[in-house]
N, C-alpha and C. Protein backbone atom coordinates (compact mmCIF):
# COMPACT_ATOMS: atom_id res chain seq x y z
N GLY A 1 20.03 -5.31 -73.16
CA GLY A 1 19.75 -3.76 -73.36
C GLY A 1 18.55 -3.36 -72.61
N VAL A 2 17.58 -2.24 -72.59
CA VAL A 2 16.80 -1.82 -71.94
C VAL A 2 15.76 -1.63 -72.86
N ASP A 3 14.28 -1.58 -72.48
CA ASP A 3 13.71 -1.44 -73.05
C ASP A 3 13.05 0.35 -73.39
N ARG A 4 11.47 0.56 -73.91
CA ARG A 4 11.34 1.68 -74.34
C ARG A 4 10.91 2.48 -72.62
N PHE A 5 10.93 1.89 -71.84
CA PHE A 5 10.81 3.08 -70.60
C PHE A 5 12.09 2.84 -69.99
N GLY A 6 13.41 2.35 -70.16
CA GLY A 6 14.69 2.11 -69.68
C GLY A 6 14.73 1.24 -68.87
N ARG A 7 13.88 0.10 -68.97
CA ARG A 7 14.12 -1.02 -67.79
C ARG A 7 15.20 -1.90 -68.55
N PRO A 8 15.85 -2.52 -67.59
CA PRO A 8 16.85 -3.44 -68.51
C PRO A 8 16.07 -4.51 -68.60
N VAL A 9 16.49 -5.66 -69.71
CA VAL A 9 15.77 -6.51 -70.19
C VAL A 9 16.51 -8.00 -70.23
N LEU A 10 15.80 -8.82 -69.38
CA LEU A 10 16.74 -10.21 -69.39
C LEU A 10 16.32 -11.25 -70.56
N TYR A 11 16.54 -11.58 -71.58
CA TYR A 11 16.04 -12.64 -72.47
C TYR A 11 16.87 -13.99 -72.11
N ASN A 12 16.06 -14.72 -72.10
CA ASN A 12 16.81 -16.21 -72.08
C ASN A 12 15.55 -17.18 -73.04
N CYS A 13 16.03 -18.30 -73.63
CA CYS A 13 15.55 -18.92 -74.06
C CYS A 13 16.28 -20.44 -73.52
N PHE A 14 15.44 -21.62 -73.68
CA PHE A 14 15.19 -22.62 -72.93
C PHE A 14 16.41 -23.45 -74.25
N ALA A 15 16.08 -23.48 -75.00
CA ALA A 15 17.08 -23.82 -76.35
C ALA A 15 18.65 -23.14 -76.49
N CYS A 16 18.93 -22.23 -75.75
CA CYS A 16 20.25 -21.78 -75.80
C CYS A 16 20.81 -21.86 -74.42
N SER A 17 20.23 -22.85 -73.55
CA SER A 17 20.87 -22.79 -72.37
C SER A 17 21.72 -24.31 -72.19
N SER A 18 23.07 -23.77 -71.49
CA SER A 18 23.84 -25.15 -71.34
C SER A 18 23.77 -25.73 -70.14
N ALA A 19 23.14 -24.83 -69.23
CA ALA A 19 23.09 -24.96 -67.98
C ALA A 19 21.26 -25.31 -67.68
N ARG A 20 20.89 -26.80 -67.67
CA ARG A 20 20.03 -27.59 -67.70
C ARG A 20 19.10 -27.80 -66.03
N GLY A 21 20.16 -28.13 -65.38
CA GLY A 21 19.63 -28.47 -63.90
C GLY A 21 19.42 -26.93 -63.09
N PRO A 22 18.86 -27.77 -62.28
CA PRO A 22 18.09 -26.58 -60.98
C PRO A 22 19.01 -25.55 -60.60
N HIS A 23 20.20 -26.27 -60.41
CA HIS A 23 21.19 -25.74 -59.52
C HIS A 23 22.08 -24.87 -60.57
N GLY A 24 22.23 -25.13 -62.01
CA GLY A 24 22.80 -24.28 -63.32
C GLY A 24 22.06 -23.05 -63.07
N LEU A 25 20.77 -23.29 -63.52
CA LEU A 25 20.03 -22.76 -63.92
C LEU A 25 19.76 -21.16 -62.68
N LEU A 26 19.51 -21.92 -61.58
CA LEU A 26 19.48 -20.62 -60.41
C LEU A 26 20.75 -19.86 -60.51
N ALA A 27 21.85 -20.77 -60.41
CA ALA A 27 23.30 -19.49 -60.97
C ALA A 27 23.45 -18.89 -61.77
N HIS A 28 23.21 -19.28 -63.34
CA HIS A 28 22.87 -18.45 -64.21
C HIS A 28 22.27 -17.21 -64.16
N PHE A 29 20.82 -17.41 -63.66
CA PHE A 29 20.09 -16.30 -63.52
C PHE A 29 20.05 -15.55 -62.45
N THR A 30 20.48 -15.52 -61.22
CA THR A 30 21.03 -14.89 -60.07
C THR A 30 22.09 -14.18 -60.93
N MET A 31 22.76 -14.45 -61.79
CA MET A 31 23.72 -13.66 -62.16
C MET A 31 23.12 -12.49 -63.50
N LYS A 32 22.39 -13.02 -64.02
CA LYS A 32 21.63 -11.91 -64.95
C LYS A 32 20.29 -10.61 -64.25
N VAL A 33 20.41 -11.51 -63.16
CA VAL A 33 19.35 -10.42 -62.23
C VAL A 33 20.54 -9.47 -62.08
N GLU A 34 21.86 -9.95 -61.24
CA GLU A 34 22.95 -8.74 -60.74
C GLU A 34 23.15 -7.86 -62.23
N GLU A 35 23.20 -8.48 -63.31
CA GLU A 35 23.79 -7.61 -64.14
C GLU A 35 22.08 -6.27 -64.32
N CYS A 36 21.08 -7.01 -64.30
CA CYS A 36 20.21 -5.91 -64.78
C CYS A 36 20.29 -4.91 -63.43
N ILE A 37 20.62 -5.45 -62.28
CA ILE A 37 20.49 -3.97 -61.57
C ILE A 37 21.19 -3.19 -61.26
N GLN A 38 22.62 -3.93 -61.86
CA GLN A 38 23.70 -2.72 -62.55
C GLN A 38 23.26 -1.73 -63.54
N LYS A 39 22.49 -2.10 -64.05
CA LYS A 39 22.17 -1.91 -65.71
C LYS A 39 21.27 -0.90 -65.71
N MET A 40 20.44 -0.40 -63.96
CA MET A 40 19.66 0.25 -63.57
C MET A 40 20.11 1.43 -63.44
N GLN A 41 19.92 2.64 -64.51
CA GLN A 41 20.94 3.84 -64.85
C GLN A 41 19.89 4.95 -64.77
N VAL A 42 18.36 4.69 -64.97
CA VAL A 42 17.74 6.00 -64.91
C VAL A 42 16.89 5.89 -64.10
N PRO A 43 16.95 7.40 -63.28
CA PRO A 43 16.63 7.71 -62.11
C PRO A 43 15.05 7.11 -61.71
N GLY A 44 14.81 6.76 -60.78
CA GLY A 44 13.35 6.44 -60.16
C GLY A 44 13.03 4.79 -60.81
N MET A 45 13.86 4.23 -61.73
CA MET A 45 13.54 3.02 -62.45
C MET A 45 14.22 1.68 -61.39
N ASP A 46 13.50 1.24 -61.24
CA ASP A 46 14.10 0.20 -60.07
C ASP A 46 13.42 -1.54 -60.54
N THR A 47 13.01 -1.42 -61.73
CA THR A 47 12.33 -2.52 -61.77
C THR A 47 13.33 -2.72 -63.44
N TRP A 48 12.73 -4.69 -63.96
CA TRP A 48 13.66 -4.95 -64.99
C TRP A 48 12.31 -6.00 -66.02
N VAL A 49 12.80 -6.06 -66.98
CA VAL A 49 11.96 -6.66 -67.73
C VAL A 49 12.68 -8.33 -67.89
N TRP A 50 11.73 -9.88 -67.64
CA TRP A 50 12.20 -10.54 -68.08
C TRP A 50 11.54 -11.43 -69.14
N ILE A 51 11.98 -11.79 -70.45
CA ILE A 51 11.42 -12.48 -71.89
C ILE A 51 11.98 -13.48 -71.59
N ALA A 52 11.24 -14.98 -70.79
CA ALA A 52 11.69 -16.30 -70.87
C ALA A 52 10.93 -16.84 -72.19
N ASP A 53 11.72 -17.17 -73.50
CA ASP A 53 11.25 -17.89 -74.03
C ASP A 53 11.39 -19.56 -73.86
N PHE A 54 10.32 -20.19 -74.16
CA PHE A 54 10.26 -21.73 -73.50
C PHE A 54 10.59 -22.45 -74.98
N GLU A 55 10.99 -21.71 -75.99
CA GLU A 55 11.23 -22.76 -77.22
C GLU A 55 12.57 -23.63 -76.63
N GLY A 56 12.59 -25.20 -76.79
CA GLY A 56 13.53 -25.84 -76.42
C GLY A 56 13.19 -26.24 -74.89
N PHE A 57 12.06 -26.15 -74.17
CA PHE A 57 11.68 -26.31 -72.77
C PHE A 57 10.92 -27.90 -72.78
N GLY A 58 11.72 -28.37 -72.30
CA GLY A 58 11.44 -30.22 -72.50
C GLY A 58 10.54 -31.23 -71.11
N VAL A 59 10.53 -32.24 -71.41
CA VAL A 59 9.78 -32.97 -70.10
C VAL A 59 10.71 -32.88 -69.03
N LYS A 60 12.55 -32.95 -69.26
CA LYS A 60 12.79 -32.97 -67.74
C LYS A 60 13.01 -31.56 -67.64
N ASP A 61 12.80 -30.57 -67.62
CA ASP A 61 12.80 -29.56 -67.49
C ASP A 61 11.23 -29.26 -66.62
N GLY A 62 10.22 -29.67 -67.16
CA GLY A 62 9.12 -29.52 -66.89
C GLY A 62 8.78 -30.50 -65.21
N MET A 63 9.69 -31.72 -65.28
CA MET A 63 9.41 -32.17 -64.33
C MET A 63 10.23 -32.04 -62.53
N ASP A 64 11.10 -31.09 -62.80
CA ASP A 64 11.70 -30.63 -61.43
C ASP A 64 11.53 -29.49 -61.04
N PRO A 65 10.25 -29.15 -60.17
CA PRO A 65 10.21 -28.09 -59.75
C PRO A 65 10.83 -26.55 -59.18
N ARG A 66 12.19 -27.56 -59.05
CA ARG A 66 12.90 -26.81 -57.55
C ARG A 66 13.91 -25.51 -58.49
N PHE A 67 14.19 -25.63 -59.17
CA PHE A 67 14.31 -24.13 -59.78
C PHE A 67 13.38 -23.21 -59.80
N SER A 68 12.06 -23.41 -60.19
CA SER A 68 10.73 -22.94 -60.58
C SER A 68 10.56 -21.94 -58.78
N ILE A 69 10.86 -22.85 -57.87
CA ILE A 69 10.76 -22.63 -56.37
C ILE A 69 11.51 -21.78 -56.03
N TRP A 70 12.45 -22.45 -56.41
CA TRP A 70 14.04 -21.49 -55.91
C TRP A 70 13.66 -19.85 -56.48
N LEU A 71 13.38 -19.91 -57.73
CA LEU A 71 13.18 -18.56 -58.44
C LEU A 71 12.33 -17.27 -58.06
N ILE A 72 11.09 -18.54 -57.53
CA ILE A 72 9.85 -17.65 -56.98
C ILE A 72 10.73 -16.96 -55.78
N HIS A 73 10.81 -17.90 -55.05
CA HIS A 73 11.36 -17.57 -53.64
C HIS A 73 12.27 -16.44 -53.79
N MET A 74 13.27 -16.80 -54.71
CA MET A 74 14.46 -15.46 -55.07
C MET A 74 13.69 -14.19 -55.13
N PHE A 75 12.96 -14.03 -56.20
CA PHE A 75 12.20 -12.88 -56.40
C PHE A 75 11.57 -12.38 -54.91
N GLN A 76 10.66 -13.09 -54.56
CA GLN A 76 9.68 -12.78 -53.57
C GLN A 76 10.65 -12.48 -52.21
N ASN A 77 11.59 -13.03 -51.93
CA ASN A 77 12.53 -13.09 -50.73
C ASN A 77 14.15 -11.84 -50.84
N HIS A 78 14.42 -11.84 -52.30
CA HIS A 78 15.52 -11.03 -52.42
C HIS A 78 15.64 -9.71 -53.14
N TYR A 79 14.58 -9.75 -54.45
CA TYR A 79 14.54 -8.99 -54.82
C TYR A 79 12.73 -8.45 -54.85
N PRO A 80 12.14 -8.25 -53.46
CA PRO A 80 10.97 -7.91 -53.67
C PRO A 80 10.91 -6.65 -55.08
N GLU A 81 9.80 -6.92 -55.52
CA GLU A 81 9.36 -5.76 -56.28
C GLU A 81 10.29 -5.23 -57.02
N ARG A 82 11.50 -5.69 -57.47
CA ARG A 82 12.37 -5.17 -58.93
C ARG A 82 11.72 -6.25 -60.39
N MET A 83 10.99 -6.78 -60.21
CA MET A 83 10.76 -7.42 -61.52
C MET A 83 9.46 -6.74 -61.97
N GLY A 84 9.58 -6.16 -62.87
CA GLY A 84 8.86 -5.35 -63.88
C GLY A 84 7.72 -6.82 -64.67
N CYS A 85 7.67 -7.03 -65.32
CA CYS A 85 7.31 -8.21 -65.69
C CYS A 85 7.70 -9.63 -66.45
N VAL A 86 7.52 -10.38 -66.56
CA VAL A 86 7.53 -11.33 -67.00
C VAL A 86 6.72 -12.13 -68.45
N VAL A 87 7.56 -12.18 -69.27
CA VAL A 87 6.99 -12.69 -70.60
C VAL A 87 7.13 -14.10 -70.76
N CYS A 88 6.53 -14.95 -70.82
CA CYS A 88 6.51 -15.88 -71.03
C CYS A 88 6.26 -16.41 -72.68
N ILE A 89 7.30 -16.70 -73.71
CA ILE A 89 6.79 -17.02 -74.90
C ILE A 89 6.68 -18.53 -75.08
N ASP A 90 5.84 -19.05 -75.56
CA ASP A 90 5.50 -20.27 -76.50
C ASP A 90 5.69 -21.06 -75.42
N ALA A 91 5.34 -20.66 -73.98
CA ALA A 91 5.07 -21.92 -72.98
C ALA A 91 4.41 -23.11 -73.64
N PRO A 92 4.96 -24.52 -73.23
CA PRO A 92 4.17 -25.65 -73.92
C PRO A 92 3.18 -26.27 -72.94
N ARG A 93 2.44 -26.54 -73.08
CA ARG A 93 1.20 -27.67 -72.61
C ARG A 93 2.35 -27.69 -71.37
N LEU A 94 3.27 -28.64 -71.43
CA LEU A 94 3.93 -29.46 -70.12
C LEU A 94 4.07 -28.65 -69.29
N PHE A 95 4.23 -27.26 -69.21
CA PHE A 95 4.71 -26.33 -68.29
C PHE A 95 3.50 -25.45 -67.15
N SER A 96 2.19 -25.95 -67.84
CA SER A 96 0.96 -25.84 -67.13
C SER A 96 1.37 -26.57 -66.03
N VAL A 97 1.49 -27.66 -65.90
CA VAL A 97 1.64 -28.74 -64.91
C VAL A 97 3.02 -28.40 -64.01
N LEU A 98 4.36 -27.47 -64.56
CA LEU A 98 4.61 -26.53 -63.33
C LEU A 98 4.26 -25.36 -63.06
N TRP A 99 3.80 -25.16 -63.38
CA TRP A 99 2.91 -23.64 -63.05
C TRP A 99 1.82 -23.62 -62.20
N SER A 100 1.15 -25.05 -62.23
CA SER A 100 0.24 -25.56 -60.89
C SER A 100 0.90 -25.98 -59.98
N ALA A 101 2.32 -26.26 -60.07
CA ALA A 101 2.70 -26.72 -58.77
C ALA A 101 3.42 -24.97 -57.98
N VAL A 102 3.67 -24.51 -59.04
CA VAL A 102 4.63 -23.29 -58.45
C VAL A 102 3.52 -21.94 -58.04
N LYS A 103 2.37 -21.83 -58.43
CA LYS A 103 1.46 -21.06 -58.90
C LYS A 103 0.99 -20.51 -57.12
N PRO A 104 0.60 -21.62 -56.51
CA PRO A 104 0.05 -21.34 -55.13
C PRO A 104 1.43 -20.82 -54.23
N ILE A 105 2.67 -21.07 -54.48
CA ILE A 105 3.40 -20.33 -53.32
C ILE A 105 3.80 -19.21 -54.04
N THR A 106 3.45 -18.54 -54.81
CA THR A 106 3.87 -17.11 -56.00
C THR A 106 2.93 -16.22 -55.31
N SER A 107 2.88 -15.05 -54.72
CA SER A 107 2.38 -14.20 -54.08
C SER A 107 1.50 -13.26 -55.37
N LEU A 108 -0.05 -12.95 -55.33
CA LEU A 108 -0.67 -12.09 -55.97
C LEU A 108 0.03 -11.39 -56.66
N SER A 109 0.67 -10.48 -56.17
CA SER A 109 1.54 -8.89 -57.32
C SER A 109 2.49 -9.73 -57.99
N THR A 110 3.52 -11.10 -57.55
CA THR A 110 4.20 -11.45 -58.47
C THR A 110 3.40 -12.01 -59.83
N ARG A 111 2.12 -12.78 -59.79
CA ARG A 111 1.29 -13.47 -60.14
C ARG A 111 0.74 -12.45 -61.83
N ARG A 112 0.59 -10.90 -61.04
CA ARG A 112 0.08 -10.16 -61.71
C ARG A 112 1.06 -9.40 -63.12
N LYS A 113 2.31 -9.91 -62.30
CA LYS A 113 3.18 -9.88 -63.78
C LYS A 113 3.87 -10.36 -64.66
N ILE A 114 2.86 -11.54 -64.55
CA ILE A 114 3.47 -12.53 -65.45
C ILE A 114 2.14 -13.01 -66.24
N MET A 115 2.87 -12.92 -67.53
CA MET A 115 1.91 -12.68 -69.05
C MET A 115 2.39 -14.05 -69.84
N PHE A 116 1.68 -14.45 -70.69
CA PHE A 116 1.78 -15.50 -71.76
C PHE A 116 1.34 -15.30 -72.53
N ILE A 117 2.68 -15.36 -74.00
CA ILE A 117 1.94 -15.00 -75.37
C ILE A 117 2.54 -16.32 -76.10
N ARG A 118 1.72 -16.33 -77.56
CA ARG A 118 1.92 -17.59 -78.05
C ARG A 118 2.04 -17.04 -79.70
N GLY A 119 3.00 -17.70 -80.38
CA GLY A 119 2.92 -17.41 -81.60
C GLY A 119 3.65 -16.48 -82.45
N GLU A 120 4.25 -16.49 -83.91
CA GLU A 120 5.28 -15.55 -84.49
C GLU A 120 4.91 -14.05 -84.13
N GLU A 121 3.68 -13.71 -84.57
CA GLU A 121 3.02 -12.58 -84.44
C GLU A 121 2.93 -12.00 -83.49
N SER A 122 2.57 -12.66 -82.12
CA SER A 122 2.61 -12.31 -80.81
C SER A 122 4.29 -11.67 -80.44
N ARG A 123 5.27 -12.34 -80.81
CA ARG A 123 6.57 -12.78 -80.47
C ARG A 123 6.67 -11.27 -80.71
N LYS A 124 6.46 -11.04 -82.49
CA LYS A 124 6.61 -9.81 -83.40
C LYS A 124 5.96 -8.48 -82.55
N GLU A 125 4.97 -8.19 -82.31
CA GLU A 125 4.21 -7.33 -81.58
C GLU A 125 4.76 -7.37 -80.36
N LEU A 126 5.39 -8.05 -79.27
CA LEU A 126 6.17 -7.85 -78.00
C LEU A 126 7.17 -7.07 -78.58
N ALA A 127 8.03 -7.69 -79.75
CA ALA A 127 9.53 -6.74 -79.76
C ALA A 127 9.41 -5.46 -80.02
N ASP A 128 8.19 -4.83 -80.88
CA ASP A 128 8.26 -3.96 -81.55
C ASP A 128 7.39 -2.72 -80.28
N ALA A 129 6.47 -3.75 -79.58
CA ALA A 129 5.60 -2.71 -78.44
C ALA A 129 6.85 -2.53 -76.93
N LEU A 130 7.95 -3.61 -76.94
CA LEU A 130 9.15 -3.09 -75.84
C LEU A 130 9.90 -2.17 -76.11
N PHE A 131 10.58 -2.78 -77.74
CA PHE A 131 11.90 -1.94 -78.10
C PHE A 131 11.91 -0.82 -79.23
N GLU A 132 12.55 -0.10 -79.27
CA GLU A 132 12.55 0.78 -80.66
C GLU A 132 13.83 0.15 -81.76
N GLY A 133 13.32 0.48 -82.74
CA GLY A 133 14.45 0.04 -83.94
C GLY A 133 15.63 -1.26 -83.75
N THR A 134 17.02 -1.48 -83.65
CA THR A 134 17.35 -2.34 -84.11
C THR A 134 17.43 -3.31 -82.67
N THR A 135 17.18 -2.64 -81.81
CA THR A 135 17.10 -3.32 -80.07
C THR A 135 15.61 -4.61 -80.61
N ALA A 136 14.54 -3.67 -81.36
CA ALA A 136 13.44 -4.78 -81.88
C ALA A 136 13.41 -5.80 -82.56
N GLN A 137 14.58 -4.94 -83.85
CA GLN A 137 14.96 -6.15 -84.78
C GLN A 137 16.20 -7.37 -84.09
N TRP A 138 17.00 -6.94 -83.50
CA TRP A 138 17.79 -8.34 -82.80
C TRP A 138 16.79 -9.25 -81.87
N LEU A 139 15.65 -8.66 -81.51
CA LEU A 139 15.10 -9.60 -80.80
C LEU A 139 14.57 -10.42 -81.30
N LYS A 140 13.67 -9.75 -82.82
CA LYS A 140 12.78 -10.87 -83.62
C LYS A 140 13.76 -11.42 -84.29
N GLU A 141 14.81 -11.24 -84.28
CA GLU A 141 15.82 -12.14 -85.53
C GLU A 141 16.54 -13.09 -84.39
N ASN A 142 16.62 -13.25 -82.77
CA ASN A 142 17.37 -14.14 -82.21
C ASN A 142 15.82 -15.03 -81.32
N MET A 143 14.72 -14.67 -81.47
CA MET A 143 13.64 -15.83 -81.21
C MET A 143 13.45 -16.32 -82.61
N SER A 144 14.00 -15.78 -83.74
CA SER A 144 13.61 -16.80 -84.80
C SER A 144 14.71 -18.00 -85.16
N PHE A 145 15.91 -17.46 -84.81
CA PHE A 145 17.05 -18.00 -84.53
C PHE A 145 16.81 -19.29 -83.70
N ASN A 146 16.52 -19.05 -82.46
CA ASN A 146 16.75 -19.87 -81.45
C ASN A 146 15.27 -21.47 -81.42
N ARG A 147 14.63 -21.11 -82.90
CA ARG A 147 13.59 -21.74 -83.13
C ARG A 147 14.36 -22.47 -83.95
N ARG A 148 15.69 -22.35 -84.50
CA ARG A 148 16.18 -23.24 -85.70
C ARG A 148 17.44 -24.19 -84.67
N ARG A 149 16.60 -25.33 -84.40
CA ARG A 149 17.71 -26.41 -83.32
C ARG A 149 18.92 -26.75 -83.94
N LYS A 150 19.41 -27.05 -84.89
CA LYS A 150 20.50 -27.17 -85.18
C LYS A 150 21.86 -26.26 -85.33
N GLU A 151 21.27 -25.15 -85.51
CA GLU A 151 21.99 -23.80 -85.64
C GLU A 151 22.54 -23.63 -84.23
N VAL A 152 21.37 -23.54 -83.49
CA VAL A 152 21.24 -23.36 -82.00
C VAL A 152 22.03 -23.97 -81.66
N LYS A 153 22.36 -25.10 -81.23
CA LYS A 153 22.91 -26.27 -80.49
C LYS A 153 24.41 -26.00 -81.25
N ALA A 154 24.84 -26.04 -82.41
CA ALA A 154 26.29 -25.57 -82.93
C ALA A 154 26.48 -24.45 -82.09
N SER A 155 25.98 -23.40 -82.06
CA SER A 155 26.38 -21.87 -81.49
C SER A 155 26.23 -21.94 -79.93
N TRP A 156 25.64 -23.08 -79.72
CA TRP A 156 25.89 -23.06 -77.59
C TRP A 156 26.34 -24.00 -77.36
N ALA A 157 27.05 -24.62 -77.97
CA ALA A 157 28.06 -26.14 -77.40
C ALA A 157 28.60 -25.89 -76.55
N GLN A 158 29.47 -24.61 -76.29
CA GLN A 158 30.38 -24.12 -75.40
C GLN A 158 29.67 -23.61 -74.24
N PRO A 159 29.76 -24.08 -73.04
CA PRO A 159 29.44 -22.81 -71.93
C PRO A 159 29.59 -21.77 -71.76
N HIS A 160 29.16 -20.62 -71.21
CA HIS A 160 29.58 -19.38 -71.34
C HIS A 160 29.79 -18.79 -70.10
N PRO A 161 31.04 -18.79 -69.89
CA PRO A 161 31.62 -18.10 -68.30
C PRO A 161 30.84 -16.64 -68.27
N MET A 162 30.94 -16.51 -66.83
CA MET A 162 30.19 -15.31 -65.77
C MET A 162 31.46 -14.05 -66.56
N PRO A 163 30.94 -13.40 -66.71
CA PRO A 163 31.57 -11.89 -66.80
C PRO A 163 32.77 -11.65 -65.46
N PRO A 164 33.68 -10.96 -65.42
CA PRO A 164 34.36 -11.17 -64.03
C PRO A 164 33.81 -10.07 -63.51
N GLU A 165 33.29 -9.15 -63.84
CA GLU A 165 32.77 -7.97 -62.92
C GLU A 165 31.30 -8.01 -62.33
N VAL A 166 30.95 -9.41 -62.78
CA VAL A 166 29.24 -9.71 -62.01
C VAL A 166 30.16 -10.66 -60.99
N ASP A 167 29.92 -10.14 -59.91
CA ASP A 167 30.22 -10.99 -58.57
C ASP A 167 28.89 -11.74 -57.65
N ALA A 168 28.16 -12.43 -58.27
CA ALA A 168 27.11 -13.22 -58.04
C ALA A 168 26.97 -14.74 -56.91
N ALA A 169 28.29 -14.94 -56.85
CA ALA A 169 28.73 -15.97 -56.25
C ALA A 169 28.08 -16.06 -54.85
N SER A 170 28.46 -14.38 -54.46
CA SER A 170 27.87 -14.63 -52.81
C SER A 170 26.02 -14.21 -52.65
N LYS A 171 25.55 -14.13 -54.05
CA LYS A 171 24.22 -13.76 -53.60
C LYS A 171 23.31 -15.76 -54.06
N ILE A 172 24.26 -16.07 -54.88
CA ILE A 172 23.66 -17.35 -55.51
C ILE A 172 24.12 -18.48 -54.32
N THR A 173 25.46 -18.14 -53.32
CA THR A 173 25.45 -18.89 -51.97
C THR A 173 24.32 -18.62 -51.02
N GLU A 174 23.55 -17.25 -50.79
CA GLU A 174 22.73 -17.05 -49.79
C GLU A 174 21.56 -17.56 -50.21
N ILE A 175 20.96 -17.45 -51.60
CA ILE A 175 19.99 -17.92 -51.77
C ILE A 175 19.66 -19.37 -51.86
N ALA A 176 20.64 -20.01 -51.94
CA ALA A 176 21.06 -21.68 -52.08
C ALA A 176 20.85 -22.01 -50.55
N ASN A 177 21.46 -20.98 -49.39
CA ASN A 177 21.42 -21.68 -48.41
C ASN A 177 20.28 -21.39 -47.64
N THR A 178 19.45 -20.56 -47.89
CA THR A 178 17.91 -19.86 -47.79
C THR A 178 17.12 -21.17 -48.58
N ALA A 179 17.43 -21.71 -49.30
CA ALA A 179 16.35 -22.80 -50.25
C ALA A 179 16.66 -24.18 -49.39
N GLN A 180 17.53 -24.23 -49.05
CA GLN A 180 17.92 -25.27 -47.85
C GLN A 180 17.51 -25.37 -46.68
N LYS A 181 17.51 -24.14 -45.89
CA LYS A 181 16.66 -24.38 -44.87
C LYS A 181 15.18 -24.29 -44.78
N VAL A 182 14.82 -23.83 -46.09
CA VAL A 182 13.20 -24.49 -45.82
C VAL A 182 13.23 -25.62 -46.88
N ASN A 183 13.83 -26.40 -47.05
CA ASN A 183 13.71 -27.85 -47.69
C ASN A 183 13.20 -27.79 -48.54
N TRP A 184 13.77 -26.85 -49.49
CA TRP A 184 13.26 -26.97 -51.08
C TRP A 184 14.28 -27.76 -51.99
N GLN A 185 15.69 -27.93 -51.46
CA GLN A 185 16.15 -28.55 -51.99
C GLN A 185 16.06 -30.11 -51.89
N ALA A 186 16.25 -30.76 -52.63
CA ALA A 186 16.44 -32.48 -52.79
C ALA A 186 17.47 -32.95 -52.29
């Protein structure tokens, strides 16, 4: 969907992700960013909002910084100034270790667009501040649902294929090749 200002919104939640390794996450996220760009229909609106819900983020996610490094590289080199803001929801203490590792390579402009919120009340306030009516309600319901792990696991057991109209493969290849050139790939 789009927020109150017409910006496309990307919502992701670790609890719902079937692609957990850095390569799968980068491929998935690149596809979603390309979808956001295709949805930019308001004249003069060229940014999106990313809501990163850390429910389900675990030790395995926090110990491998490659995805975070590649993602920052992707934002700064392939989509400069496209990111309107990033809202990190309920990031665990473990994430602070990862954030400490990638923060030095993140531009000041990008860091200023990142905010952290915590707790159910803050999640509801975010939904109401960014969206109207049914979209706000959808976001609140999904954030609540994503905290019921057994139901999430059952509903997301199967991989979700890329929509055929989105050709993100070339962008993924470009980003992966650039990451290899700067030796960020293990």
